[in-house]
Amino acid sequence: EVAGYKEQWEQLEQWKLTCATTEDQLQAAEAAHAEVLRQQESQMQALQMQLAAYEEQLEQWQLKTATAEEQLQAAEAAYTELSRAKNQQEAHVQALEIEVAGYKEQWEQLEQWKLTCATTEDQLQAAEAAHAEVLRQQESQMQALQMQLAAYEEQLEQWQLKTATAEEQLQAAEAAYTELSRAKNQQEAHVQALEIEVAGYKE
């Protein structure tokens, strides 16, 4: 029985390690995600500054060039650069969304593992408490039986001192034996009931 409890306890410890490892991974992933968002913000600011520079450059080109051809070429170059940066940003956002979805799935598994660990630990504690109570009752009943047997032995000695004939001693011994047998049968019946109760706890 104790070996079974130890095996359940070892499984519980392994679940705790698994839960802790997954939670550490999730925290690391959240930190990485926060860093990526910070980098995105920095890149967006840089892009806005670059866009402002392009706008300023475009204004200078518009001032410097008088023909529509030059203005069109400058606008096309700026649009191409902005489109390329936008496509890169969208691809990076999609990759982040996939990564976050994976982290969410790991988090849901972690929550299920936590519930399983908590339920198993509660069941183990309840079983240990029930087993300890049964052992305590058995110990108390065994002590009571030992005291009862000692009283019977003392009574038998008193009967032997009071009776002088072998017939009286035999009758007293038979009576004591009958009483001891009855007490022994009661104890055996009680032990069987306790074994059935313990089997119920084990189940």
C-alpha atoms as a PDB file:
ATOM      1  CA  GLU A   1       0.000   0.000   0.000  1.00  0.00           C
ATOM      2  CA  VAL A   2       2.790   2.418   0.947  1.00  0.00           C
ATOM      3  CA  ALA A   3       4.638   1.525  -2.269  1.00  0.00           C
ATOM      4  CA  GLY A   4       1.511   2.524  -4.191  1.00  0.00           C
ATOM      5  CA  TYR A   5       1.412   5.863  -2.367  1.00  0.00           C
ATOM      6  CA  LYS A   6       5.116   6.404  -3.083  1.00  0.00           C
ATOM      7  CA  GLU A   7       4.544   5.701  -6.800  1.00  0.00           C
ATOM      8  CA  GLN A   8       1.649   8.189  -6.872  1.00  0.00           C
ATOM      9  CA  TRP A   9       3.835  10.731  -5.076  1.00  0.00           C
ATOM     10  CA  GLU A  10       6.682  10.269  -7.573  1.00  0.00           C
ATOM     11  CA  GLN A  11       4.222  10.790 -10.443  1.00  0.00           C
ATOM     12  CA  LEU A  12       2.977  13.929  -8.723  1.00  0.00           C
ATOM     13  CA  GLU A  13       6.547  15.262  -8.368  1.00  0.00           C
ATOM     14  CA  GLN A  14       7.144  14.602 -12.098  1.00  0.00           C
ATOM     15  CA  TRP A  15       3.930  16.467 -12.953  1.00  0.00           C
ATOM     16  CA  LYS A  16       5.081  19.378 -10.786  1.00  0.00           C
ATOM     17  CA  LEU A  17       8.433  19.495 -12.643  1.00  0.00           C
ATOM     18  CA  THR A  18       6.613  19.345 -16.005  1.00  0.00           C
ATOM     19  CA  CYS A  19       4.258  22.129 -14.955  1.00  0.00           C
ATOM     20  CA  ALA A  20       7.139  24.292 -13.685  1.00  0.00           C
ATOM     21  CA  THR A  21       9.140  23.735 -16.903  1.00  0.00           C
ATOM     22  CA  THR A  22       6.168  24.628 -19.110  1.00  0.00           C
ATOM     23  CA  GLU A  23       5.432  27.719 -17.032  1.00  0.00           C
ATOM     24  CA  ASP A  24       9.076  28.825 -17.301  1.00  0.00           C
ATOM     25  CA  GLN A  25       8.900  28.354 -21.071  1.00  0.00           C
ATOM     26  CA  LEU A  26       5.720  30.403 -21.200  1.00  0.00           C
ATOM     27  CA  GLN A  27       7.292  33.218 -19.168  1.00  0.00           C
ATOM     28  CA  ALA A  28      10.325  33.177 -21.458  1.00  0.00           C
ATOM     29  CA  ALA A  29       8.025  33.266 -24.471  1.00  0.00           C
ATOM     30  CA  GLU A  30       6.086  36.203 -23.028  1.00  0.00           C
ATOM     31  CA  ALA A  31       9.354  38.034 -22.395  1.00  0.00           C
ATOM     32  CA  ALA A  32      10.456  37.313 -25.975  1.00  0.00           C
ATOM     33  CA  HIS A  33       7.077  38.472 -27.268  1.00  0.00           C
ATOM     34  CA  ALA A  34       7.385  41.715 -25.271  1.00  0.00           C
ATOM     35  CA  GLU A  35      10.866  42.223 -26.712  1.00  0.00           C
ATOM     36  CA  VAL A  36       9.535  41.652 -30.237  1.00  0.00           C
ATOM     37  CA  LEU A  37       6.746  44.181 -29.639  1.00  0.00           C
ATOM     38  CA  ARG A  38       9.323  46.666 -28.359  1.00  0.00           C
ATOM     39  CA  GLN A  39      11.420  46.073 -31.481  1.00  0.00           C
ATOM     40  CA  GLN A  40       8.297  46.484 -33.623  1.00  0.00           C
ATOM     41  CA  GLU A  41       7.556  49.809 -31.952  1.00  0.00           C
ATOM     42  CA  SER A  42      11.147  50.905 -32.512  1.00  0.00           C
ATOM     43  CA  GLN A  43      10.986  49.791 -36.150  1.00  0.00           C
ATOM     44  CA  MET A  44       7.680  51.608 -36.598  1.00  0.00           C
ATOM     45  CA  GLN A  45       9.193  54.795 -35.203  1.00  0.00           C
ATOM     46  CA  ALA A  46      12.199  54.377 -37.480  1.00  0.00           C
ATOM     47  CA  LEU A  47       9.839  53.785 -40.403  1.00  0.00           C
ATOM     48  CA  GLN A  48       7.880  56.913 -39.541  1.00  0.00           C
ATOM     49  CA  MET A  49      11.108  58.900 -39.341  1.00  0.00           C
ATOM     50  CA  GLN A  50      12.172  57.399 -42.660  1.00  0.00           C
ATOM     51  CA  LEU A  51       8.806  58.278 -44.137  1.00  0.00           C
ATOM     52  CA  ALA A  52       9.166  61.828 -42.852  1.00  0.00           C
ATOM     53  CA  ALA A  53      12.616  61.938 -44.430  1.00  0.00           C
ATOM     54  CA  TYR A  54      11.154  60.637 -47.709  1.00  0.00           C
ATOM     55  CA  GLU A  55       8.446  63.275 -47.555  1.00  0.00           C
ATOM     56  CA  GLU A  56      11.020  65.973 -46.887  1.00  0.00           C
ATOM     57  CA  GLN A  57      13.194  64.629 -49.695  1.00  0.00           C
ATOM     58  CA  LEU A  58      10.161  64.496 -51.974  1.00  0.00           C
ATOM     59  CA  GLU A  59       9.383  68.113 -51.179  1.00  0.00           C
ATOM     60  CA  GLN A  60      12.986  69.044 -51.952  1.00  0.00           C
ATOM     61  CA  TRP A  61      12.790  67.108 -55.205  1.00  0.00           C
ATOM     62  CA  GLN A  62       9.563  68.851 -56.053  1.00  0.00           C
ATOM     63  CA  LEU A  63      11.250  72.164 -55.412  1.00  0.00           C
ATOM     64  CA  LYS A  64      14.381  71.229 -57.319  1.00  0.00           C
ATOM     65  CA  THR A  65      12.715  69.555 -60.274  1.00  0.00           C
ATOM     66  CA  ALA A  66      10.214  71.241 -62.421  1.00  0.00           C
ATOM     67  CA  THR A  67       9.171  68.330 -64.567  1.00  0.00           C
ATOM     68  CA  ALA A  68       6.438  65.834 -63.709  1.00  0.00           C
ATOM     69  CA  GLU A  69       8.724  62.940 -64.765  1.00  0.00           C
ATOM     70  CA  GLU A  70      11.207  63.532 -61.977  1.00  0.00           C
ATOM     71  CA  GLN A  71       8.434  63.934 -59.400  1.00  0.00           C
ATOM     72  CA  LEU A  72       6.825  60.677 -60.560  1.00  0.00           C
ATOM     73  CA  GLN A  73      10.095  58.726 -60.353  1.00  0.00           C
ATOM     74  CA  ALA A  74      10.758  60.002 -56.821  1.00  0.00           C
ATOM     75  CA  ALA A  75       7.219  59.116 -55.732  1.00  0.00           C
ATOM     76  CA  GLU A  76       7.499  55.613 -57.239  1.00  0.00           C
ATOM     77  CA  ALA A  77      10.798  54.990 -55.439  1.00  0.00           C
ATOM     78  CA  ALA A  78       9.334  56.122 -52.124  1.00  0.00           C
ATOM     79  CA  TYR A  79       6.207  53.997 -52.649  1.00  0.00           C
ATOM     80  CA  THR A  80       8.303  50.932 -53.522  1.00  0.00           C
ATOM     81  CA  GLU A  81      10.388  51.331 -50.376  1.00  0.00           C
ATOM     82  CA  LEU A  82       7.324  51.808 -48.200  1.00  0.00           C
ATOM     83  CA  SER A  83       5.594  48.771 -49.761  1.00  0.00           C
ATOM     84  CA  ARG A  84       8.656  46.606 -49.130  1.00  0.00           C
ATOM     85  CA  ALA A  85       8.796  47.701 -45.485  1.00  0.00           C
ATOM     86  CA  LYS A  86       5.040  47.113 -45.110  1.00  0.00           C
ATOM     87  CA  ASN A  87       5.306  43.573 -46.538  1.00  0.00           C
ATOM     88  CA  GLN A  88       8.161  42.761 -44.174  1.00  0.00           C
ATOM     89  CA  GLN A  89       6.127  44.065 -41.246  1.00  0.00           C
ATOM     90  CA  GLU A  90       3.057  41.985 -42.221  1.00  0.00           C
ATOM     91  CA  ALA A  91       5.147  38.811 -42.549  1.00  0.00           C
ATOM     92  CA  HIS A  92       6.675  39.443 -39.131  1.00  0.00           C
ATOM     93  CA  VAL A  93       3.223  40.002 -37.589  1.00  0.00           C
ATOM     94  CA  GLN A  94       1.936  36.713 -39.064  1.00  0.00           C
ATOM     95  CA  ALA A  95       4.923  34.839 -37.628  1.00  0.00           C
ATOM     96  CA  LEU A  96       4.246  36.405 -34.227  1.00  0.00           C
ATOM     97  CA  GLU A  97       0.563  35.421 -34.360  1.00  0.00           C
ATOM     98  CA  ILE A  98       1.535  31.794 -35.054  1.00  0.00           C
ATOM     99  CA  GLU A  99       4.033  31.866 -32.182  1.00  0.00           C
ATOM    100  CA  VAL A 100       1.469  33.361 -29.785  1.00  0.00           C
ATOM    101  CA  ALA A 101      -1.090  30.693 -30.775  1.00  0.00           C
ATOM    102  CA  GLY A 102       1.448  28.011 -29.850  1.00  0.00           C
ATOM    103  CA  TYR A 103       2.061  29.690 -26.486  1.00  0.00           C
ATOM    104  CA  LYS A 104      -1.693  29.838 -25.812  1.00  0.00           C
ATOM    105  CA  GLU A 105      -2.018  26.105 -26.509  1.00  0.00           C
ATOM    106  CA  GLN A 106       0.885  25.375 -24.123  1.00  0.00           C
ATOM    107  CA  TRP A 107      -0.760  27.567 -21.483  1.00  0.00           C
ATOM    108  CA  GLU A 108      -4.064  25.624 -21.757  1.00  0.00           C
ATOM    109  CA  GLN A 109      -2.167  22.330 -21.370  1.00  0.00           C
ATOM    110  CA  LEU A 110      -0.390  23.760 -18.332  1.00  0.00           C
ATOM    111  CA  GLU A 111      -3.705  24.741 -16.726  1.00  0.00           C
ATOM    112  CA  GLN A 112      -5.057  21.187 -17.295  1.00  0.00           C
ATOM    113  CA  TRP A 113      -1.879  19.700 -15.781  1.00  0.00           C
ATOM    114  CA  LYS A 114      -2.256  21.967 -12.736  1.00  0.00           C
ATOM    115  CA  LEU A 115      -5.842  20.764 -12.194  1.00  0.00           C
ATOM    116  CA  THR A 116      -4.753  17.122 -12.558  1.00  0.00           C
ATOM    117  CA  CYS A 117      -1.851  17.591 -10.121  1.00  0.00           C
ATOM    118  CA  ALA A 118      -4.066  19.304  -7.536  1.00  0.00           C
ATOM    119  CA  THR A 119      -6.780  16.588  -7.741  1.00  0.00           C
ATOM    120  CA  THR A 120      -4.265  13.736  -7.439  1.00  0.00           C
ATOM    121  CA  GLU A 121      -2.539  15.387  -4.461  1.00  0.00           C
ATOM    122  CA  ASP A 122      -5.877  15.880  -2.661  1.00  0.00           C
ATOM    123  CA  GLN A 123      -6.802  12.222  -3.226  1.00  0.00           C
ATOM    124  CA  LEU A 124      -3.419  11.072  -1.944  1.00  0.00           C
ATOM    125  CA  GLN A 125      -3.702  13.191   1.202  1.00  0.00           C
ATOM    126  CA  ALA A 126      -7.221  11.875   1.868  1.00  0.00           C
ATOM    127  CA  ALA A 127      -6.060   8.270   1.429  1.00  0.00           C
ATOM    128  CA  GLU A 128      -3.097   8.816   3.764  1.00  0.00           C
ATOM    129  CA  ALA A 129      -5.362  10.376   6.402  1.00  0.00           C
ATOM    130  CA  ALA A 130      -7.836   7.466   6.169  1.00  0.00           C
ATOM    131  CA  HIS A 131      -5.022   4.926   6.394  1.00  0.00           C
ATOM    132  CA  ALA A 132      -3.534   6.682   9.452  1.00  0.00           C
ATOM    133  CA  GLU A 133      -6.961   6.678  11.135  1.00  0.00           C
ATOM    134  CA  VAL A 134      -7.389   2.934  10.517  1.00  0.00           C
ATOM    135  CA  LEU A 135      -3.925   2.240  11.956  1.00  0.00           C
ATOM    136  CA  ARG A 136      -4.739   4.375  14.998  1.00  0.00           C
ATOM    137  CA  GLN A 137      -7.994   2.479  15.585  1.00  0.00           C
ATOM    138  CA  GLN A 138      -6.228  -0.862  15.197  1.00  0.00           C
ATOM    139  CA  GLU A 139      -3.547   0.184  17.718  1.00  0.00           C
ATOM    140  CA  SER A 140      -6.174   1.344  20.227  1.00  0.00           C
ATOM    141  CA  GLN A 141      -8.160  -1.886  19.878  1.00  0.00           C
ATOM    142  CA  MET A 142      -5.016  -3.988  20.213  1.00  0.00           C
ATOM    143  CA  GLN A 143      -4.112  -2.184  23.443  1.00  0.00           C
ATOM    144  CA  ALA A 144      -7.636  -2.738  24.794  1.00  0.00           C
ATOM    145  CA  LEU A 145      -7.416  -6.442  23.944  1.00  0.00           C
ATOM    146  CA  GLN A 146      -4.042  -6.730  25.686  1.00  0.00           C
ATOM    147  CA  MET A 147      -5.484  -5.085  28.794  1.00  0.00           C
ATOM    148  CA  GLN A 148      -8.482  -7.445  28.659  1.00  0.00           C
ATOM    149  CA  LEU A 149      -6.198 -10.473  28.330  1.00  0.00           C
ATOM    150  CA  ALA A 150      -4.122  -9.268  31.287  1.00  0.00           C
ATOM    151  CA  ALA A 151      -7.317  -8.941  33.337  1.00  0.00           C
ATOM    152  CA  TYR A 152      -8.338 -12.487  32.369  1.00  0.00           C
ATOM    153  CA  GLU A 153      -4.902 -13.786  33.381  1.00  0.00           C
ATOM    154  CA  GLU A 154      -5.121 -11.993  36.717  1.00  0.00           C
ATOM    155  CA  GLN A 155      -8.630 -13.367  37.266  1.00  0.00           C
ATOM    156  CA  LEU A 156      -7.418 -16.857  36.414  1.00  0.00           C
ATOM    157  CA  GLU A 157      -4.612 -16.564  38.960  1.00  0.00           C
ATOM    158  CA  GLN A 158      -7.115 -15.439  41.590  1.00  0.00           C
ATOM    159  CA  TRP A 159      -9.362 -18.380  40.771  1.00  0.00           C
ATOM    160  CA  GLN A 160      -6.423 -20.763  41.096  1.00  0.00           C
ATOM    161  CA  LEU A 161      -5.558 -19.320  44.524  1.00  0.00           C
ATOM    162  CA  LYS A 162      -9.157 -19.498  45.769  1.00  0.00           C
ATOM    163  CA  THR A 163      -9.881 -23.084  44.631  1.00  0.00           C
ATOM    164  CA  ALA A 164      -7.983 -25.991  46.157  1.00  0.00           C
ATOM    165  CA  THR A 165      -9.301 -28.886  44.156  1.00  0.00           C
ATOM    166  CA  ALA A 166      -8.327 -29.855  40.644  1.00  0.00           C
ATOM    167  CA  GLU A 167     -12.003 -29.882  39.634  1.00  0.00           C
ATOM    168  CA  GLU A 168     -12.485 -26.267  40.603  1.00  0.00           C
ATOM    169  CA  GLN A 169      -9.218 -25.262  38.882  1.00  0.00           C
ATOM    170  CA  LEU A 170     -10.315 -27.132  35.738  1.00  0.00           C
ATOM    171  CA  GLN A 171     -13.717 -25.478  35.726  1.00  0.00           C
ATOM    172  CA  ALA A 172     -12.118 -22.055  36.243  1.00  0.00           C
ATOM    173  CA  ALA A 173      -9.607 -22.728  33.461  1.00  0.00           C
ATOM    174  CA  GLU A 174     -12.402 -23.866  31.122  1.00  0.00           C
ATOM    175  CA  ALA A 175     -14.408 -20.752  31.913  1.00  0.00           C
ATOM    176  CA  ALA A 176     -11.365 -18.523  31.307  1.00  0.00           C
ATOM    177  CA  TYR A 177     -10.569 -20.392  28.088  1.00  0.00           C
ATOM    178  CA  THR A 178     -14.167 -19.991  26.930  1.00  0.00           C
ATOM    179  CA  GLU A 179     -14.041 -16.260  27.668  1.00  0.00           C
ATOM    180  CA  LEU A 180     -10.661 -15.882  25.981  1.00  0.00           C
ATOM    181  CA  SER A 181     -11.928 -17.807  22.939  1.00  0.00           C
ATOM    182  CA  ARG A 182     -14.982 -15.558  22.750  1.00  0.00           C
ATOM    183  CA  ALA A 183     -12.805 -12.451  22.987  1.00  0.00           C
ATOM    184  CA  LYS A 184     -10.428 -13.896  20.366  1.00  0.00           C
ATOM    185  CA  ASN A 185     -13.347 -14.610  18.001  1.00  0.00           C
ATOM    186  CA  GLN A 186     -14.653 -11.081  18.501  1.00  0.00           C
ATOM    187  CA  GLN A 187     -11.198  -9.673  17.773  1.00  0.00           C
ATOM    188  CA  GLU A 188     -10.843 -11.814  14.627  1.00  0.00           C
ATOM    189  CA  ALA A 189     -14.271 -10.663  13.433  1.00  0.00           C
ATOM    190  CA  HIS A 190     -13.277  -7.051  14.114  1.00  0.00           C
ATOM    191  CA  VAL A 191      -9.959  -7.491  12.293  1.00  0.00           C
ATOM    192  CA  GLN A 192     -11.822  -8.919   9.278  1.00  0.00           C
ATOM    193  CA  ALA A 193     -14.163  -5.927   9.328  1.00  0.00           C
ATOM    194  CA  LEU A 194     -11.144  -3.596   9.472  1.00  0.00           C
ATOM    195  CA  GLU A 195      -9.517  -5.433   6.551  1.00  0.00           C
ATOM    196  CA  ILE A 196     -12.719  -4.981   4.523  1.00  0.00           C
ATOM    197  CA  GLU A 197     -12.762  -1.286   5.491  1.00  0.00           C
ATOM    198  CA  VAL A 198      -9.096  -0.861   4.507  1.00  0.00           C
ATOM    199  CA  ALA A 199      -9.809  -2.629   1.203  1.00  0.00           C
ATOM    200  CA  GLY A 200     -12.575  -0.096   0.636  1.00  0.00           C
ATOM    201  CA  TYR A 201     -10.140   2.761   1.316  1.00  0.00           C
ATOM    202  CA  LYS A 202      -7.636   1.217  -1.096  1.00  0.00           C
ATOM    203  CA  GLU A 203     -10.300   0.908  -3.803  1.00  0.00           C
END
